[in-house]
Amino acid sequence: MTRIAVISDTHDWMPPGLPERLAKADEIWHLGDVCEPDTLAELELLGKPLHVVLGNNEGHALWPLELRLERAGHKFFLTHIPPTRAPFGAEIVLHGHTHVPRDETDEAGVRWLNPGCISRPKQHGRAGFAWLLLEENQPPKWRLEVL
């Protein structure tokens, strides 16, 4: 099983204890609004692959606006601001920006996931992230965790 920690909207703040909680991840995906790159320093020290997309609050262009990744036979599209339609070929769209967790499947069968927000959550006032659990030939599992 592949364990991917998915976070978004850190806005220059790394919660105490978060790097330790993410240490068991095989990869870490950040869905934008990191702001200052130094915010990721503790995560980089974990030595896990770290994939980051650019948010709308970054004052630089160090990361791409979107990423297409394939894991365990599934095609993922990572971006910060959710597109109005799923990009061609994407089975699962992961986004941040709204600060609200999401797990929905649209009429075309594309799954839309948002881990919520690390720094300023809007729903229930609880900061959090998500685990994306992948196994070959199995549907991905999505589990939200509050901080």
N, C-alpha and C. Protein backbone atom coordinates (compact mmCIF):
# COMPACT_ATOMS: atom_id res chain seq x y z
N MET A 1 0.84 -1.19 0.00
CA MET A 1 0.00 0.00 0.00
C MET A 1 0.89 1.24 0.00
N THR A 2 0.50 2.21 -0.81
CA THR A 2 1.18 3.50 -0.86
C THR A 2 0.38 4.50 -0.05
N ARG A 3 1.06 5.21 0.85
CA ARG A 3 0.40 6.21 1.70
C ARG A 3 0.87 7.60 1.28
N ILE A 4 -0.06 8.40 0.80
CA ILE A 4 0.27 9.76 0.38
C ILE A 4 -0.43 10.73 1.32
N ALA A 5 0.35 11.61 1.95
CA ALA A 5 -0.21 12.66 2.79
C ALA A 5 -0.53 13.84 1.88
N VAL A 6 -1.75 14.34 1.95
CA VAL A 6 -2.19 15.45 1.10
C VAL A 6 -2.54 16.63 2.00
N ILE A 7 -1.85 17.76 1.76
CA ILE A 7 -2.08 18.96 2.56
C ILE A 7 -2.30 20.14 1.63
N SER A 8 -2.86 21.21 2.18
CA SER A 8 -3.09 22.40 1.39
C SER A 8 -3.18 23.62 2.29
N ASP A 9 -2.91 24.76 1.70
CA ASP A 9 -3.16 26.06 2.33
C ASP A 9 -2.46 26.20 3.68
N THR A 10 -1.15 25.99 3.69
CA THR A 10 -0.40 26.20 4.93
C THR A 10 -0.22 27.68 5.23
N HIS A 11 -0.20 28.52 4.22
CA HIS A 11 -0.10 29.98 4.41
C HIS A 11 0.98 30.36 5.42
N ASP A 12 2.20 29.89 5.16
CA ASP A 12 3.38 30.23 5.99
C ASP A 12 3.33 29.63 7.40
N TRP A 13 2.52 28.61 7.63
CA TRP A 13 2.43 28.05 8.98
C TRP A 13 2.45 26.53 8.94
N MET A 14 3.41 25.95 9.66
CA MET A 14 3.50 24.49 9.79
C MET A 14 3.08 24.15 11.22
N PRO A 15 1.94 23.51 11.40
CA PRO A 15 1.48 23.19 12.75
C PRO A 15 2.48 22.32 13.50
N PRO A 16 2.66 22.58 14.78
CA PRO A 16 3.53 21.72 15.58
C PRO A 16 3.07 20.28 15.50
N GLY A 17 3.99 19.38 15.31
CA GLY A 17 3.68 17.96 15.26
C GLY A 17 3.26 17.43 13.90
N LEU A 18 2.97 18.32 12.95
CA LEU A 18 2.54 17.83 11.63
C LEU A 18 3.64 17.03 10.93
N PRO A 19 4.88 17.51 10.89
CA PRO A 19 5.91 16.70 10.22
C PRO A 19 6.02 15.29 10.81
N GLU A 20 5.90 15.15 12.10
CA GLU A 20 5.98 13.83 12.73
C GLU A 20 4.81 12.95 12.28
N ARG A 21 3.64 13.55 12.13
CA ARG A 21 2.47 12.78 11.69
C ARG A 21 2.60 12.35 10.24
N LEU A 22 3.33 13.14 9.43
CA LEU A 22 3.49 12.82 8.02
C LEU A 22 4.69 11.93 7.74
N ALA A 23 5.47 11.65 8.77
CA ALA A 23 6.70 10.85 8.59
C ALA A 23 6.41 9.46 8.04
N LYS A 24 5.22 8.92 8.28
CA LYS A 24 4.89 7.58 7.80
C LYS A 24 4.40 7.57 6.35
N ALA A 25 4.35 8.76 5.72
CA ALA A 25 3.91 8.85 4.33
C ALA A 25 5.01 8.36 3.38
N ASP A 26 4.58 7.80 2.27
CA ASP A 26 5.52 7.45 1.20
C ASP A 26 5.81 8.67 0.33
N GLU A 27 4.82 9.56 0.23
CA GLU A 27 4.94 10.81 -0.52
C GLU A 27 4.11 11.86 0.19
N ILE A 28 4.40 13.13 -0.11
CA ILE A 28 3.60 14.24 0.39
C ILE A 28 3.22 15.10 -0.81
N TRP A 29 1.92 15.40 -0.92
CA TRP A 29 1.43 16.28 -1.97
C TRP A 29 0.88 17.53 -1.32
N HIS A 30 1.36 18.69 -1.73
CA HIS A 30 0.88 19.98 -1.21
C HIS A 30 0.13 20.69 -2.33
N LEU A 31 -1.12 21.06 -2.07
CA LEU A 31 -2.00 21.59 -3.12
C LEU A 31 -2.05 23.11 -3.16
N GLY A 32 -0.97 23.76 -2.77
CA GLY A 32 -0.85 25.20 -2.99
C GLY A 32 -1.12 26.08 -1.79
N ASP A 33 -0.73 27.34 -1.96
CA ASP A 33 -0.74 28.35 -0.91
C ASP A 33 0.17 27.97 0.24
N VAL A 34 1.39 27.54 -0.14
CA VAL A 34 2.46 27.37 0.84
C VAL A 34 2.86 28.76 1.31
N CYS A 35 2.98 29.68 0.37
CA CYS A 35 3.48 31.05 0.49
C CYS A 35 5.01 31.01 0.49
N GLU A 36 5.68 31.20 1.61
CA GLU A 36 7.15 31.19 1.60
C GLU A 36 7.67 29.75 1.52
N PRO A 37 8.58 29.46 0.61
CA PRO A 37 9.10 28.10 0.47
C PRO A 37 9.69 27.51 1.75
N ASP A 38 10.25 28.37 2.62
CA ASP A 38 10.83 27.88 3.88
C ASP A 38 9.81 27.17 4.75
N THR A 39 8.53 27.42 4.52
CA THR A 39 7.47 26.76 5.28
C THR A 39 7.57 25.25 5.15
N LEU A 40 8.11 24.78 4.04
CA LEU A 40 8.20 23.34 3.77
C LEU A 40 9.48 22.69 4.31
N ALA A 41 10.35 23.46 4.94
CA ALA A 41 11.66 22.95 5.37
C ALA A 41 11.55 21.69 6.21
N GLU A 42 10.65 21.67 7.18
CA GLU A 42 10.52 20.49 8.05
C GLU A 42 10.03 19.27 7.27
N LEU A 43 9.17 19.49 6.28
CA LEU A 43 8.70 18.37 5.47
C LEU A 43 9.80 17.85 4.57
N GLU A 44 10.61 18.75 4.03
CA GLU A 44 11.72 18.33 3.18
C GLU A 44 12.72 17.47 3.96
N LEU A 45 12.89 17.76 5.24
CA LEU A 45 13.81 16.99 6.08
C LEU A 45 13.36 15.54 6.27
N LEU A 46 12.09 15.26 6.03
CA LEU A 46 11.60 13.89 6.13
C LEU A 46 12.17 13.00 5.02
N GLY A 47 12.65 13.61 3.94
CA GLY A 47 13.26 12.85 2.85
C GLY A 47 12.27 12.10 1.97
N LYS A 48 11.00 12.47 2.03
CA LYS A 48 9.98 11.84 1.20
C LYS A 48 9.81 12.66 -0.08
N PRO A 49 9.39 12.04 -1.18
CA PRO A 49 9.06 12.85 -2.36
C PRO A 49 7.98 13.87 -2.00
N LEU A 50 8.23 15.11 -2.34
CA LEU A 50 7.32 16.20 -2.03
C LEU A 50 6.92 16.88 -3.33
N HIS A 51 5.63 16.80 -3.67
CA HIS A 51 5.11 17.41 -4.88
C HIS A 51 4.25 18.60 -4.48
N VAL A 52 4.53 19.76 -5.07
CA VAL A 52 3.87 21.01 -4.69
C VAL A 52 3.36 21.71 -5.94
N VAL A 53 2.14 22.25 -5.86
CA VAL A 53 1.63 23.10 -6.93
C VAL A 53 1.51 24.53 -6.40
N LEU A 54 1.57 25.45 -7.31
CA LEU A 54 1.52 26.87 -6.99
C LEU A 54 0.10 27.28 -6.61
N GLY A 55 -0.01 28.05 -5.53
CA GLY A 55 -1.30 28.59 -5.13
C GLY A 55 -1.47 30.02 -5.62
N ASN A 56 -2.54 30.64 -5.21
CA ASN A 56 -2.80 32.02 -5.64
C ASN A 56 -2.22 33.05 -4.66
N ASN A 57 -1.54 32.60 -3.60
CA ASN A 57 -0.95 33.52 -2.63
C ASN A 57 0.58 33.47 -2.62
N GLU A 58 1.18 32.74 -3.53
CA GLU A 58 2.63 32.70 -3.61
C GLU A 58 3.14 33.96 -4.33
N GLY A 59 4.25 34.49 -3.84
CA GLY A 59 4.87 35.65 -4.49
C GLY A 59 6.03 35.23 -5.38
N HIS A 60 5.99 34.02 -5.87
CA HIS A 60 7.06 33.46 -6.71
C HIS A 60 6.43 32.43 -7.65
N ALA A 61 7.25 31.86 -8.51
CA ALA A 61 6.77 30.83 -9.43
C ALA A 61 7.69 29.61 -9.37
N LEU A 62 7.98 29.14 -8.15
CA LEU A 62 8.89 28.02 -7.96
C LEU A 62 8.27 26.66 -8.29
N TRP A 63 6.97 26.59 -8.29
CA TRP A 63 6.29 25.32 -8.52
C TRP A 63 5.34 25.45 -9.71
N PRO A 64 4.95 24.33 -10.29
CA PRO A 64 4.02 24.40 -11.43
C PRO A 64 2.60 24.72 -10.96
N LEU A 65 1.78 25.23 -11.86
CA LEU A 65 0.38 25.50 -11.54
C LEU A 65 -0.42 24.21 -11.38
N GLU A 66 0.03 23.17 -12.04
CA GLU A 66 -0.67 21.89 -11.97
C GLU A 66 0.31 20.75 -12.19
N LEU A 67 -0.05 19.60 -11.70
CA LEU A 67 0.75 18.39 -11.88
C LEU A 67 -0.18 17.25 -12.28
N ARG A 68 0.31 16.41 -13.16
CA ARG A 68 -0.37 15.16 -13.50
C ARG A 68 0.53 14.04 -13.01
N LEU A 69 -0.02 13.20 -12.14
CA LEU A 69 0.74 12.09 -11.58
C LEU A 69 -0.05 10.81 -11.77
N GLU A 70 0.66 9.72 -11.92
CA GLU A 70 0.01 8.42 -12.00
C GLU A 70 0.59 7.53 -10.92
N ARG A 71 -0.30 6.97 -10.12
CA ARG A 71 0.10 6.09 -9.02
C ARG A 71 -0.89 4.94 -8.96
N ALA A 72 -0.38 3.74 -8.77
CA ALA A 72 -1.20 2.53 -8.60
C ALA A 72 -2.27 2.41 -9.69
N GLY A 73 -1.94 2.83 -10.91
CA GLY A 73 -2.85 2.72 -12.03
C GLY A 73 -3.91 3.81 -12.11
N HIS A 74 -3.83 4.83 -11.26
CA HIS A 74 -4.80 5.93 -11.25
C HIS A 74 -4.14 7.21 -11.74
N LYS A 75 -4.91 8.01 -12.47
CA LYS A 75 -4.40 9.27 -13.02
C LYS A 75 -4.93 10.45 -12.20
N PHE A 76 -3.99 11.17 -11.58
CA PHE A 76 -4.32 12.28 -10.69
C PHE A 76 -3.96 13.61 -11.34
N PHE A 77 -4.78 14.60 -11.06
CA PHE A 77 -4.52 15.97 -11.50
C PHE A 77 -4.51 16.83 -10.23
N LEU A 78 -3.37 17.48 -9.96
CA LEU A 78 -3.21 18.31 -8.77
C LEU A 78 -3.17 19.77 -9.18
N THR A 79 -3.94 20.60 -8.50
CA THR A 79 -3.98 22.03 -8.75
C THR A 79 -4.43 22.72 -7.48
N HIS A 80 -4.32 24.03 -7.44
CA HIS A 80 -4.77 24.75 -6.25
C HIS A 80 -6.25 25.15 -6.38
N ILE A 81 -6.56 25.94 -7.40
CA ILE A 81 -7.93 26.39 -7.61
C ILE A 81 -8.65 25.33 -8.45
N PRO A 82 -9.79 24.84 -7.98
CA PRO A 82 -10.47 23.77 -8.73
C PRO A 82 -10.94 24.27 -10.09
N PRO A 83 -10.67 23.50 -11.13
CA PRO A 83 -11.18 23.89 -12.46
C PRO A 83 -12.69 23.67 -12.53
N THR A 84 -13.32 24.29 -13.51
CA THR A 84 -14.77 24.12 -13.65
C THR A 84 -15.13 22.73 -14.18
N ARG A 85 -14.19 22.12 -14.92
CA ARG A 85 -14.38 20.76 -15.42
C ARG A 85 -13.09 19.99 -15.19
N ALA A 86 -13.23 18.69 -15.06
CA ALA A 86 -12.04 17.85 -14.90
C ALA A 86 -11.22 17.88 -16.18
N PRO A 87 -9.90 18.03 -16.09
CA PRO A 87 -9.05 17.97 -17.28
C PRO A 87 -9.13 16.59 -17.94
N PHE A 88 -8.97 16.58 -19.25
CA PHE A 88 -9.03 15.34 -20.01
C PHE A 88 -8.05 14.31 -19.43
N GLY A 89 -8.52 13.11 -19.23
CA GLY A 89 -7.68 12.02 -18.78
C GLY A 89 -7.55 11.89 -17.27
N ALA A 90 -7.99 12.88 -16.53
CA ALA A 90 -7.88 12.82 -15.07
C ALA A 90 -9.00 11.96 -14.49
N GLU A 91 -8.63 11.04 -13.62
CA GLU A 91 -9.62 10.23 -12.90
C GLU A 91 -9.95 10.86 -11.56
N ILE A 92 -8.94 11.52 -10.98
CA ILE A 92 -9.09 12.12 -9.66
C ILE A 92 -8.46 13.51 -9.68
N VAL A 93 -9.23 14.52 -9.32
CA VAL A 93 -8.76 15.90 -9.24
C VAL A 93 -8.58 16.24 -7.76
N LEU A 94 -7.37 16.65 -7.41
CA LEU A 94 -7.10 17.11 -6.04
C LEU A 94 -6.83 18.60 -6.09
N HIS A 95 -7.49 19.34 -5.20
CA HIS A 95 -7.33 20.79 -5.16
C HIS A 95 -7.41 21.29 -3.73
N GLY A 96 -6.98 22.52 -3.55
CA GLY A 96 -7.09 23.21 -2.27
C GLY A 96 -7.99 24.41 -2.47
N HIS A 97 -7.54 25.57 -1.97
CA HIS A 97 -8.13 26.88 -2.20
C HIS A 97 -9.39 27.19 -1.41
N THR A 98 -10.32 26.27 -1.33
CA THR A 98 -11.61 26.57 -0.69
C THR A 98 -11.55 26.49 0.83
N HIS A 99 -10.52 25.84 1.37
CA HIS A 99 -10.36 25.61 2.81
C HIS A 99 -11.45 24.71 3.38
N VAL A 100 -12.14 23.98 2.52
CA VAL A 100 -13.22 23.08 2.94
C VAL A 100 -12.94 21.68 2.38
N PRO A 101 -12.96 20.65 3.23
CA PRO A 101 -12.74 19.28 2.73
C PRO A 101 -13.80 18.89 1.69
N ARG A 102 -13.38 18.03 0.77
CA ARG A 102 -14.28 17.60 -0.31
C ARG A 102 -13.96 16.17 -0.71
N ASP A 103 -15.00 15.41 -0.96
CA ASP A 103 -14.89 14.08 -1.56
C ASP A 103 -16.18 13.84 -2.32
N GLU A 104 -16.16 14.16 -3.61
CA GLU A 104 -17.34 14.05 -4.46
C GLU A 104 -16.95 13.37 -5.77
N THR A 105 -17.92 12.72 -6.38
CA THR A 105 -17.73 12.14 -7.70
C THR A 105 -18.74 12.80 -8.63
N ASP A 106 -18.24 13.34 -9.76
CA ASP A 106 -19.14 14.03 -10.68
C ASP A 106 -19.84 13.05 -11.62
N GLU A 107 -20.69 13.61 -12.48
CA GLU A 107 -21.49 12.77 -13.38
C GLU A 107 -20.65 11.99 -14.39
N ALA A 108 -19.43 12.44 -14.63
CA ALA A 108 -18.53 11.73 -15.54
C ALA A 108 -17.71 10.66 -14.83
N GLY A 109 -17.88 10.54 -13.51
CA GLY A 109 -17.15 9.53 -12.75
C GLY A 109 -15.81 10.01 -12.22
N VAL A 110 -15.51 11.31 -12.36
CA VAL A 110 -14.25 11.87 -11.85
C VAL A 110 -14.44 12.19 -10.37
N ARG A 111 -13.47 11.78 -9.58
CA ARG A 111 -13.53 12.05 -8.13
C ARG A 111 -12.79 13.35 -7.83
N TRP A 112 -13.40 14.21 -7.00
CA TRP A 112 -12.85 15.50 -6.62
C TRP A 112 -12.53 15.47 -5.13
N LEU A 113 -11.26 15.72 -4.79
CA LEU A 113 -10.81 15.64 -3.40
C LEU A 113 -10.13 16.92 -2.97
N ASN A 114 -10.41 17.34 -1.74
CA ASN A 114 -9.76 18.49 -1.12
C ASN A 114 -9.53 18.12 0.34
N PRO A 115 -8.28 18.24 0.83
CA PRO A 115 -8.00 17.86 2.22
C PRO A 115 -8.43 18.91 3.25
N GLY A 116 -8.96 20.04 2.79
CA GLY A 116 -9.26 21.13 3.72
C GLY A 116 -8.05 22.02 3.85
N CYS A 117 -7.88 22.59 5.00
CA CYS A 117 -6.85 23.61 5.19
C CYS A 117 -6.06 23.35 6.47
N ILE A 118 -4.76 23.57 6.38
CA ILE A 118 -3.90 23.44 7.56
C ILE A 118 -4.01 24.67 8.46
N SER A 119 -4.12 25.85 7.87
CA SER A 119 -3.97 27.08 8.66
C SER A 119 -5.27 27.79 9.03
N ARG A 120 -6.21 27.88 8.12
CA ARG A 120 -7.44 28.65 8.37
C ARG A 120 -8.65 27.91 7.81
N PRO A 121 -9.10 26.86 8.48
CA PRO A 121 -10.22 26.09 7.96
C PRO A 121 -11.53 26.88 8.01
N LYS A 122 -12.42 26.57 7.08
CA LYS A 122 -13.71 27.25 7.04
C LYS A 122 -14.84 26.37 7.57
N GLN A 123 -14.69 25.06 7.46
CA GLN A 123 -15.77 24.17 7.87
C GLN A 123 -15.47 23.60 9.25
N HIS A 124 -16.34 23.82 10.18
CA HIS A 124 -16.24 23.29 11.54
C HIS A 124 -15.04 23.85 12.30
N GLY A 125 -14.31 24.78 11.70
CA GLY A 125 -13.17 25.38 12.39
C GLY A 125 -12.05 24.43 12.73
N ARG A 126 -11.92 23.31 12.01
CA ARG A 126 -10.91 22.31 12.34
C ARG A 126 -9.89 22.20 11.21
N ALA A 127 -8.65 22.44 11.54
CA ALA A 127 -7.57 22.29 10.56
C ALA A 127 -7.31 20.80 10.34
N GLY A 128 -6.85 20.48 9.15
CA GLY A 128 -6.57 19.08 8.89
C GLY A 128 -5.87 18.83 7.58
N PHE A 129 -5.66 17.55 7.31
CA PHE A 129 -5.04 17.08 6.08
C PHE A 129 -5.70 15.75 5.74
N ALA A 130 -5.21 15.07 4.73
CA ALA A 130 -5.82 13.80 4.35
C ALA A 130 -4.76 12.77 4.00
N TRP A 131 -5.15 11.54 4.13
CA TRP A 131 -4.35 10.41 3.66
C TRP A 131 -5.03 9.84 2.42
N LEU A 132 -4.25 9.67 1.37
CA LEU A 132 -4.68 8.99 0.16
C LEU A 132 -3.97 7.64 0.17
N LEU A 133 -4.75 6.58 0.26
CA LEU A 133 -4.20 5.22 0.38
C LEU A 133 -4.44 4.48 -0.93
N LEU A 134 -3.35 3.99 -1.52
CA LEU A 134 -3.43 3.39 -2.85
C LEU A 134 -2.92 1.96 -2.86
N GLU A 135 -3.69 1.10 -3.52
CA GLU A 135 -3.26 -0.26 -3.80
C GLU A 135 -3.61 -0.56 -5.25
N GLU A 136 -2.76 -1.31 -5.91
CA GLU A 136 -3.03 -1.68 -7.31
C GLU A 136 -4.39 -2.36 -7.42
N ASN A 137 -5.11 -2.00 -8.47
CA ASN A 137 -6.41 -2.60 -8.80
C ASN A 137 -7.48 -2.41 -7.72
N GLN A 138 -7.32 -1.39 -6.89
CA GLN A 138 -8.30 -1.07 -5.86
C GLN A 138 -8.67 0.41 -5.96
N PRO A 139 -9.90 0.77 -5.62
CA PRO A 139 -10.25 2.19 -5.59
C PRO A 139 -9.43 2.90 -4.51
N PRO A 140 -8.99 4.12 -4.76
CA PRO A 140 -8.24 4.86 -3.75
C PRO A 140 -9.10 5.11 -2.51
N LYS A 141 -8.46 5.08 -1.35
CA LYS A 141 -9.14 5.39 -0.09
C LYS A 141 -8.69 6.78 0.34
N TRP A 142 -9.62 7.55 0.86
CA TRP A 142 -9.39 8.94 1.26
C TRP A 142 -9.83 9.08 2.71
N ARG A 143 -8.91 9.51 3.56
CA ARG A 143 -9.24 9.63 4.98
C ARG A 143 -8.78 10.99 5.51
N LEU A 144 -9.72 11.79 5.98
CA LEU A 144 -9.39 13.09 6.55
C LEU A 144 -8.91 12.91 7.99
N GLU A 145 -7.95 13.74 8.39
CA GLU A 145 -7.46 13.77 9.76
C GLU A 145 -7.46 15.20 10.25
N VAL A 146 -7.97 15.41 11.43
CA VAL A 146 -7.94 16.75 12.01
C VAL A 146 -6.69 16.89 12.85
N LEU A 147 -6.25 18.13 12.98
CA LEU A 147 -5.06 18.40 13.78
C LEU A 147 -5.44 18.69 15.21
